Protein backbone atom coordinates (compact mmCIF):
# COMPACT_ATOMS: atom_id res chain seq x y z
CA UNK A 1 -32.86 -58.32 -16.72
CA UNK A 2 -35.39 -55.86 -18.10
CA UNK A 3 -35.64 -52.37 -16.66
CA UNK A 4 -38.06 -51.46 -13.94
CA UNK A 5 -39.33 -48.42 -15.78
CA UNK A 6 -40.54 -45.38 -13.95
CA UNK A 7 -42.35 -43.28 -16.53
CA UNK A 8 -42.99 -39.97 -14.87
CA UNK A 9 -45.31 -37.79 -16.92
CA UNK A 10 -45.22 -34.33 -15.40
CA UNK A 11 -47.84 -32.06 -16.91
CA UNK A 12 -48.21 -28.43 -15.99
CA UNK A 13 -51.96 -28.14 -15.64
CA UNK A 14 -52.63 -24.78 -14.08
CA UNK A 15 -50.45 -21.70 -14.26
CA UNK A 16 -50.17 -18.36 -12.48
CA UNK A 17 -49.67 -17.80 -8.78
CA UNK A 18 -52.20 -19.96 -6.97
CA UNK A 19 -52.89 -23.60 -7.76
CA UNK A 20 -49.95 -24.95 -9.75
CA UNK A 21 -50.40 -28.69 -10.20
CA UNK A 22 -48.06 -31.39 -11.53
CA UNK A 23 -49.33 -34.88 -12.40
CA UNK A 24 -47.36 -38.06 -13.01
CA UNK A 25 -47.72 -41.82 -13.08
CA UNK A 26 -45.42 -44.68 -12.19
CA UNK A 27 -45.45 -47.48 -14.73
CA UNK A 28 -44.22 -50.84 -13.43
CA UNK A 29 -42.66 -52.69 -16.34
CA UNK A 30 -41.08 -55.81 -14.84
CA UNK A 31 -43.47 -57.91 -12.78
CA UNK A 32 -43.74 -57.42 -9.03
CA UNK A 33 -42.54 -54.02 -7.91
CA UNK A 34 -42.01 -53.75 -4.16
CA UNK A 35 -42.43 -50.55 -2.19
CA UNK A 36 -39.35 -48.51 -2.94
CA UNK A 37 -37.91 -45.01 -2.42
CA UNK A 38 -38.45 -42.74 -5.44
CA UNK A 39 -36.86 -39.34 -6.04
CA UNK A 40 -37.87 -36.45 -8.29
CA UNK A 41 -35.40 -33.73 -9.20
CA UNK A 42 -36.70 -30.41 -7.91
CA UNK A 43 -35.22 -28.57 -10.89
CA UNK A 44 -36.84 -30.91 -13.40
CA UNK A 45 -40.33 -30.29 -12.09
CA UNK A 46 -39.94 -26.52 -11.81
CA UNK A 47 -39.87 -26.22 -8.01
CA UNK A 48 -36.57 -24.38 -7.65
CA UNK A 49 -38.29 -21.66 -5.65
CA UNK A 50 -37.38 -22.91 -2.16
CA UNK A 51 -39.80 -20.47 -0.56
CA UNK A 52 -42.65 -22.57 -1.90
CA UNK A 53 -41.37 -26.02 -1.05
CA UNK A 54 -42.91 -26.05 2.40
CA UNK A 55 -46.35 -25.41 0.92
CA UNK A 56 -46.71 -28.51 -1.24
CA UNK A 57 -48.84 -31.61 -1.08
CA UNK A 58 -48.24 -34.95 -2.80
CA UNK A 59 -51.48 -36.83 -3.30
CA UNK A 60 -52.75 -40.00 -4.96
CA UNK A 61 -56.34 -41.09 -5.29
CA UNK A 62 -57.32 -38.15 -3.13
CA UNK A 63 -55.04 -39.14 -0.23
CA UNK A 64 -51.92 -37.31 0.90
CA UNK A 65 -48.65 -39.22 0.49
CA UNK A 66 -45.75 -38.43 2.86
CA UNK A 67 -42.77 -36.85 1.11
CA UNK A 68 -39.48 -35.29 2.10
CA UNK A 69 -36.81 -33.06 0.58
CA UNK A 70 -33.16 -33.98 1.00
CA UNK A 71 -30.80 -31.70 2.92
CA UNK A 72 -29.91 -29.57 -0.12
CA UNK A 73 -33.50 -29.52 -1.39
CA UNK A 74 -32.33 -30.94 -4.72
CA UNK A 75 -34.65 -33.98 -4.68
CA UNK A 76 -38.13 -34.77 -3.45
CA UNK A 77 -38.38 -38.28 -1.97
CA UNK A 78 -41.38 -40.52 -1.37
CA UNK A 79 -42.07 -44.24 -1.10
CA UNK A 80 -44.10 -45.70 -3.95
CA UNK A 81 -46.45 -48.49 -2.89
CA UNK A 82 -46.71 -51.23 -5.50
CA UNK A 83 -50.44 -51.42 -4.84
CA UNK A 84 -50.97 -47.83 -5.92
CA UNK A 85 -51.99 -47.82 -9.58
CA UNK A 86 -53.30 -44.27 -9.67
CA UNK A 87 -51.76 -40.98 -10.63
CA UNK A 88 -49.77 -38.74 -8.32
CA UNK A 89 -50.21 -35.00 -8.07
CA UNK A 90 -47.96 -32.31 -6.59
CA UNK A 91 -49.95 -29.22 -5.71
CA UNK A 92 -48.65 -25.82 -4.63
CA UNK A 93 -50.19 -23.52 -2.03
CA UNK A 94 -51.66 -26.31 0.10
CA UNK A 95 -51.31 -26.45 3.86
CA UNK A 96 -49.77 -29.83 4.54
CA UNK A 97 -50.40 -31.81 7.70
CA UNK A 98 -47.59 -34.34 7.88
CA UNK A 99 -49.28 -36.33 10.62
CA UNK A 100 -47.52 -38.63 13.07
CA UNK A 101 -45.88 -41.02 10.59
CA UNK A 102 -42.33 -41.12 9.32
CA UNK A 103 -39.02 -41.69 11.11
CA UNK A 104 -37.93 -39.62 14.10
CA UNK A 105 -34.30 -39.24 15.20
CA UNK A 106 -33.27 -38.87 18.86
CA UNK A 107 -29.82 -38.72 20.50
CA UNK A 108 -29.31 -39.54 24.17
CA UNK A 109 -26.51 -40.95 26.34
CA UNK A 110 -24.37 -42.08 23.40
CA UNK A 111 -27.25 -43.64 21.44
CA UNK A 112 -28.77 -42.30 18.22
CA UNK A 113 -32.19 -43.89 17.71
CA UNK A 114 -34.33 -43.94 14.56
CA UNK A 115 -37.89 -44.35 15.75
CA UNK A 116 -41.22 -45.16 14.10
CA UNK A 117 -44.17 -44.55 16.38
CA UNK A 118 -43.09 -45.88 19.77
CA UNK A 119 -40.51 -48.40 18.46
CA UNK A 120 -36.79 -47.44 18.17
CA UNK A 121 -36.19 -49.56 15.07
CA UNK A 122 -32.44 -48.97 14.87
CA UNK A 123 -29.90 -47.64 17.38
CA UNK A 124 -26.44 -46.43 16.41
CA UNK A 125 -24.08 -46.49 19.39
CA UNK A 126 -21.71 -43.52 19.18
CA UNK A 127 -20.77 -43.61 22.87
CA UNK A 128 -18.19 -46.08 24.15
CA UNK A 129 -19.47 -49.50 25.22
CA UNK A 130 -17.37 -51.48 27.68
CA UNK A 131 -17.36 -55.28 28.04
CA UNK A 132 -19.00 -57.03 31.01
CA UNK A 133 -17.27 -56.86 34.37
CA UNK A 134 -14.30 -59.19 34.52
CA UNK A 135 -13.69 -59.09 30.74
CA UNK A 136 -10.63 -57.30 29.35
CA UNK A 137 -11.40 -53.67 28.45
CA UNK A 138 -9.59 -54.22 25.15
CA UNK A 139 -13.04 -55.22 23.83
CA UNK A 140 -14.51 -51.72 24.28
CA UNK A 141 -16.18 -50.32 21.16
CA UNK A 142 -18.16 -47.45 19.64
CA UNK A 143 -19.54 -46.98 16.12
CA UNK A 144 -21.95 -49.90 15.57
CA UNK A 145 -25.68 -50.63 15.19
CA UNK A 146 -27.51 -52.35 18.06
CA UNK A 147 -30.20 -53.11 18.77
CA UNK A 148 -31.88 -53.66 15.42
CA UNK A 149 -35.56 -54.33 16.08
CA UNK A 150 -38.18 -56.04 13.98
CA UNK A 151 -41.22 -53.90 13.02
CA UNK A 152 -43.10 -55.37 16.00
CA UNK A 153 -40.24 -54.69 18.42
CA UNK A 154 -38.28 -57.97 18.65
CA UNK A 155 -34.52 -57.49 19.11
CA UNK A 156 -32.76 -59.39 16.33
CA UNK A 157 -29.12 -58.27 16.77
CA UNK A 158 -26.62 -59.09 19.52
CA UNK A 159 -23.42 -57.62 20.97
CA UNK A 160 -20.57 -59.02 23.08
CA UNK A 161 -21.57 -62.70 23.03
CA UNK A 162 -19.24 -64.71 25.31
CA UNK A 163 -17.99 -66.72 22.32
CA UNK A 164 -16.98 -63.55 20.45
CA UNK A 165 -16.79 -60.46 22.66
CA UNK A 166 -15.69 -58.44 19.63
CA UNK A 167 -19.02 -58.98 17.83
CA UNK A 168 -21.08 -55.78 17.82
CA UNK A 169 -24.51 -56.05 16.21
CA UNK A 170 -24.10 -54.66 12.70
CA UNK A 171 -20.59 -53.48 11.87
CA UNK A 172 -17.83 -53.93 9.28
CA UNK A 173 -14.16 -53.78 10.37
CA UNK A 174 -11.49 -55.15 8.04
CA UNK A 175 -9.67 -58.21 9.33
CA UNK A 176 -6.41 -59.25 7.65
CA UNK A 177 -4.86 -56.06 6.29
CA UNK A 178 -1.32 -55.00 5.47
CA UNK A 179 0.11 -51.54 6.14
CA UNK A 180 3.70 -51.07 4.95
CA UNK A 181 3.99 -54.87 4.82
CA UNK A 182 2.86 -55.36 8.43
CA UNK A 183 -0.33 -57.23 9.43
CA UNK A 184 -3.01 -55.13 11.17
CA UNK A 185 -6.33 -56.64 12.32
CA UNK A 186 -9.21 -54.19 12.96
CA UNK A 187 -11.76 -56.99 13.62
CA UNK A 188 -10.31 -59.19 16.36
CA UNK A 189 -9.99 -56.61 19.13
CA UNK A 190 -8.22 -59.04 21.45
CA UNK A 191 -5.14 -58.81 19.21
CA UNK A 192 -4.69 -55.15 20.19
CA UNK A 193 -3.68 -54.26 16.63
CA UNK A 194 -6.57 -52.10 15.48
CA UNK A 195 -10.10 -50.91 16.14
CA UNK A 196 -12.87 -48.81 14.55
CA UNK A 197 -14.35 -45.96 16.62
CA UNK A 198 -16.92 -43.20 16.18
CA UNK A 199 -15.41 -39.75 15.59
CA UNK A 200 -18.25 -37.31 14.87
CA UNK A 201 -21.55 -36.82 13.04
CA UNK A 202 -21.56 -35.21 9.61
CA UNK A 203 -25.35 -34.98 9.47
CA UNK A 204 -28.56 -36.23 11.13
CA UNK A 205 -32.16 -35.96 9.94
CA UNK A 206 -35.78 -36.92 10.56
CA UNK A 207 -38.77 -36.77 8.24
CA UNK A 208 -42.07 -38.05 6.96
CA UNK A 209 -40.37 -40.61 4.69
CA UNK A 210 -36.96 -41.39 6.21
CA UNK A 211 -34.62 -40.59 9.06
CA UNK A 212 -30.91 -41.17 9.23
CA UNK A 213 -27.38 -39.99 9.86
CA UNK A 214 -23.88 -39.79 8.45
CA UNK A 215 -21.13 -40.63 10.95
CA UNK A 216 -17.36 -40.32 10.61
CA UNK A 217 -15.65 -43.49 11.83
CA UNK A 218 -11.90 -43.88 12.17
CA UNK A 219 -10.09 -47.17 11.52
CA UNK A 220 -7.20 -46.89 13.95
CA UNK A 221 -3.88 -48.73 13.68
CA UNK A 222 -2.92 -49.13 17.34
CA UNK A 223 0.60 -50.24 16.36
CA UNK A 224 1.49 -47.02 14.53
CA UNK A 225 2.88 -43.70 15.69
CA UNK A 226 0.27 -41.06 16.52
CA UNK A 227 0.56 -39.20 13.19
CA UNK A 228 -0.08 -42.38 11.17
CA UNK A 229 -2.66 -44.12 13.37
CA UNK A 230 -5.65 -43.33 11.13
CA UNK A 231 -5.55 -46.02 8.44
CA UNK A 232 -9.01 -45.32 7.02
CA UNK A 233 -11.54 -42.50 7.30
CA UNK A 234 -15.06 -43.83 6.84
CA UNK A 235 -18.32 -41.92 6.43
CA UNK A 236 -21.11 -44.35 7.30
CA UNK A 237 -24.49 -43.25 5.93
CA UNK A 238 -27.63 -44.93 7.31
CA UNK A 239 -31.25 -44.23 6.33
CA UNK A 240 -34.36 -45.92 7.73
CA UNK A 241 -37.31 -45.75 5.32
CA UNK A 242 -40.94 -45.85 6.44
CA UNK A 243 -42.68 -48.18 3.97
CA UNK A 244 -46.09 -47.31 5.46
CA UNK A 245 -46.83 -50.90 6.42
CA UNK A 246 -46.74 -52.51 9.88
CA UNK A 247 -44.66 -55.56 8.99
CA UNK A 248 -41.68 -54.14 7.02
CA UNK A 249 -39.22 -51.29 6.94
CA UNK A 250 -36.06 -50.63 4.96
CA UNK A 251 -32.50 -49.61 5.90
CA UNK A 252 -29.88 -48.20 3.51
CA UNK A 253 -26.32 -48.77 4.77
CA UNK A 254 -23.53 -47.11 2.77
CA UNK A 255 -19.83 -47.08 3.67
CA UNK A 256 -17.71 -44.38 1.99
CA UNK A 257 -14.02 -44.64 2.85
CA UNK A 258 -10.50 -43.62 1.91
CA UNK A 259 -7.00 -44.00 3.30
CA UNK A 260 -4.81 -40.99 4.22
CA UNK A 261 -1.71 -43.22 4.36
CA UNK A 262 1.04 -42.49 1.88
CA UNK A 263 0.97 -46.01 0.42
CA UNK A 264 -2.64 -46.86 1.20
CA UNK A 265 -3.64 -50.19 2.70
CA UNK A 266 -4.07 -53.75 1.42
CA UNK A 267 -7.13 -55.80 2.38
CA UNK A 268 -5.99 -59.42 2.22
CA UNK A 269 -8.34 -62.10 0.97
CA UNK A 270 -10.02 -63.65 4.00
CA UNK A 271 -13.35 -65.18 5.02
CA UNK A 272 -14.18 -62.23 7.31
CA UNK A 273 -13.78 -58.49 6.85
CA UNK A 274 -15.43 -55.27 5.74
CA UNK A 275 -18.73 -55.12 3.94
CA UNK A 276 -21.74 -55.60 6.19
CA UNK A 277 -21.66 -58.08 9.06
CA UNK A 278 -24.41 -58.95 11.55
CA UNK A 279 -24.45 -61.13 14.65
CA UNK A 280 -28.02 -62.26 15.23
CA UNK A 281 -29.96 -62.70 18.45
CA UNK A 282 -29.10 -65.58 20.80
CA UNK A 283 -32.68 -66.85 20.29
CA UNK A 284 -31.78 -68.09 16.82
CA UNK A 285 -29.95 -71.37 16.30
CA UNK A 286 -29.81 -74.32 13.93
CA UNK A 287 -33.36 -75.47 14.73
CA UNK A 288 -35.25 -72.20 14.27
CA UNK A 289 -33.28 -70.11 11.75
CA UNK A 290 -33.08 -70.43 7.96
CA UNK A 291 -31.05 -68.90 5.12
CA UNK A 292 -31.97 -68.43 1.46
CA UNK A 293 -29.84 -66.70 -1.18
CA UNK A 294 -30.58 -65.38 -4.65
CA UNK A 295 -28.79 -68.42 -6.07
CA UNK A 296 -30.96 -70.86 -4.09
CA UNK A 297 -28.40 -71.76 -1.41
CA UNK A 298 -29.47 -72.43 2.17
CA UNK A 299 -27.84 -72.53 5.63
CA UNK A 300 -25.89 -75.67 4.69
CA UNK A 301 -24.53 -74.43 1.35
CA UNK A 302 -24.45 -70.59 1.38
CA UNK A 303 -21.07 -70.02 3.07
CA UNK A 304 -18.39 -68.96 0.58
CA UNK A 305 -20.81 -68.55 -2.30
CA UNK A 306 -21.75 -65.31 -4.04
CA UNK A 307 -25.22 -63.75 -4.15
CA UNK A 308 -27.19 -60.64 -5.03
CA UNK A 309 -29.27 -61.05 -1.89
CA UNK A 310 -29.48 -63.22 1.19
CA UNK A 311 -32.49 -63.65 3.49
CA UNK A 312 -32.12 -64.73 7.13
CA UNK A 313 -35.34 -65.72 8.93
CA UNK A 314 -35.80 -66.86 12.53
CA UNK A 315 -38.38 -67.51 15.20
CA UNK A 316 -40.07 -64.48 16.77
CA UNK A 317 -39.68 -63.76 20.47
CA UNK A 318 -43.14 -65.09 21.34
CA UNK A 319 -42.51 -68.33 19.43
CA UNK A 320 -45.66 -67.83 17.38
CA UNK A 321 -44.18 -66.48 14.15
CA UNK A 322 -41.03 -65.39 12.36
CA UNK A 323 -39.08 -62.26 11.52
CA UNK A 324 -35.86 -61.57 9.69
CA UNK A 325 -33.62 -59.48 7.47
CA UNK A 326 -33.20 -59.47 3.70
CA UNK A 327 -29.67 -58.26 2.79
CA UNK A 328 -29.19 -56.68 -0.65
CA UNK A 329 -25.85 -56.03 -2.37
CA UNK A 330 -25.56 -53.16 -4.85
CA UNK A 331 -24.31 -54.05 -8.36
CA UNK A 332 -21.44 -51.53 -8.20
CA UNK A 333 -20.01 -53.12 -5.06
CA UNK A 334 -16.69 -54.86 -5.43
CA UNK A 335 -17.01 -58.57 -6.34
CA UNK A 336 -20.77 -58.31 -6.90
CA UNK A 337 -22.59 -60.74 -6.80
CA UNK A 338 -20.96 -60.60 -3.42
CA UNK A 339 -19.22 -63.38 -1.45
CA UNK A 340 -20.71 -64.24 1.93
CA UNK A 341 -19.70 -65.61 5.29
CA UNK A 342 -22.51 -67.69 6.83
CA UNK A 343 -21.72 -69.60 9.99
CA UNK A 344 -21.90 -73.41 9.71
CA UNK A 345 -24.96 -75.01 11.18
CA UNK A 346 -22.89 -77.05 13.67
CA UNK A 347 -20.87 -74.06 14.93
CA UNK A 348 -20.61 -72.78 18.51
CA UNK A 349 -20.55 -76.19 20.14
CA UNK A 350 -23.34 -77.49 17.95
CA UNK A 351 -25.81 -74.69 18.74
CA UNK A 352 -25.62 -73.26 15.24
CA UNK A 353 -25.81 -69.57 16.20
CA UNK A 354 -26.34 -67.19 13.29
CA UNK A 355 -23.81 -64.80 11.79
CA UNK A 356 -24.01 -63.29 8.28
CA UNK A 357 -21.66 -61.06 6.31
CA UNK A 358 -21.30 -59.73 2.80
CA UNK A 359 -17.52 -60.03 2.51
CA UNK A 360 -16.09 -58.40 -0.67
CA UNK A 361 -12.54 -59.67 -0.04
CA UNK A 362 -13.47 -63.29 0.68
CA UNK A 363 -11.85 -64.62 -2.50
CA UNK A 364 -9.56 -61.81 -3.68
CA UNK A 365 -7.42 -59.12 -2.04
CA UNK A 366 -8.22 -55.43 -2.52
CA UNK A 367 -5.58 -52.68 -2.72
CA UNK A 368 -6.85 -49.34 -1.35
CA UNK A 369 -4.90 -46.55 -3.01
CA UNK A 370 -4.03 -43.43 -0.99
CA UNK A 371 -6.60 -40.61 -0.94
CA UNK A 372 -8.93 -42.40 -3.34
CA UNK A 373 -12.64 -42.66 -2.50
CA UNK A 374 -14.34 -46.08 -2.30
CA UNK A 375 -17.93 -47.08 -1.61
CA UNK A 376 -19.87 -50.16 -0.53
CA UNK A 377 -23.65 -49.89 -0.61
CA UNK A 378 -26.22 -52.21 0.96
CA UNK A 379 -29.91 -52.32 1.76
CA UNK A 380 -31.72 -54.31 4.43
CA UNK A 381 -35.45 -55.09 4.46
CA UNK A 382 -36.43 -55.91 8.04
CA UNK A 383 -39.65 -57.86 8.29
CA UNK A 384 -42.15 -59.65 10.49
CA UNK A 385 -43.81 -62.79 9.15
CA UNK A 386 -42.48 -64.20 5.90
CA UNK A 387 -40.96 -62.79 2.74
CA UNK A 388 -40.96 -64.85 -0.47
CA UNK A 389 -38.05 -65.40 -2.84
CA UNK A 390 -40.02 -63.57 -5.55
CA UNK A 391 -40.45 -60.56 -3.28
CA UNK A 392 -36.74 -60.67 -2.36
CA UNK A 393 -35.74 -60.61 -6.03
CA UNK A 394 -38.09 -57.72 -6.67
CA UNK A 395 -36.66 -55.74 -3.75
CA UNK A 396 -33.19 -56.31 -5.19
CA UNK A 397 -34.24 -55.14 -8.67
CA UNK A 398 -35.72 -51.97 -7.20
CA UNK A 399 -32.45 -51.37 -5.33
CA UNK A 400 -30.18 -52.26 -8.23
CA UNK A 401 -31.79 -50.02 -10.85
CA UNK A 402 -33.04 -46.65 -9.75
CA UNK A 403 -36.17 -46.19 -11.86
CA UNK A 404 -35.62 -43.94 -14.84
CA UNK A 405 -37.60 -40.70 -14.91
CA UNK A 406 -39.07 -39.56 -18.21
CA UNK A 407 -40.51 -36.06 -18.23
CA UNK A 408 -43.00 -34.83 -20.78
């Protein structure tokens, strides 16, 4: 695969104290280039003076482009629109009106919401959720994403379905694991062996380009003594990107984890576990939901195969259109192209409800060494309408290879 080349020509046009200006272009070198987050190193473009960073404007073709600095002010982020063929300019000493766009973060009653306009696109549940009345409280859970909404506001995730009360929207517990030779299951809560719960927030943010959070989640071995109950410490990082279009937005989902146990933990090979799993809305079933993978597999053939990306599309709530999620696996993930679990079309008594998971241990076990850091990185493009296979491949290329910056 050829590079998607970002040639960034930064030219210092005007000096002195007033109107410093930096110009650059983005050169798309490999066919379709979908809207994608781009970062510029602050040091590389001579903006180390943090006192001036709040007085900058990013413009293209005379229009202001939303941008955002990361927490440490090391990088400037913006979303490049593939339709923009003009030059960009960064100008100092300009009063910037950020407008009403971007992603806003709000926390309330155990829910962290990432909101665009009036729509809470993604909710992370950090408070405890209990099962319906009459169902064993062993199914209680925190630390998951639900609801996930389409850009137009359709709910496309589901929690606590009666067939699987342990299913919680978007989440990723490990299933068959071994700790000191003993089986511990963090997925099937009814077993009472393990669970994954929210601990605390490391960071939260809002901005003109993205909003997100980093949350500490603990994978708890309920069978162990108190001092050895934490089998894994996980920092889950989630960012929602405003693509500045009404029918699509993007979510980065990164799991960073390590084990404090003296001998680590073994993830056994199994068809479920870890990665990124999603239980879809009860509206979707075998007659109104489709699957397409990067290798051309569909709902009938995708389960157990490997892919760079997988697209799940279903009927919209009003029955007049479609919406869905494109799941992207990062090349550095274990077992990439990544194995998948896709529910059979005749499952759940013939209804064919939809469940998807990137499952890195589907075909091969994974030994997690003590106090060693591991990472799994995913991206989701959430869309209304339709998304083509060519667009899906382009989104994956943009995710897989961060465009290279060339400064002159």
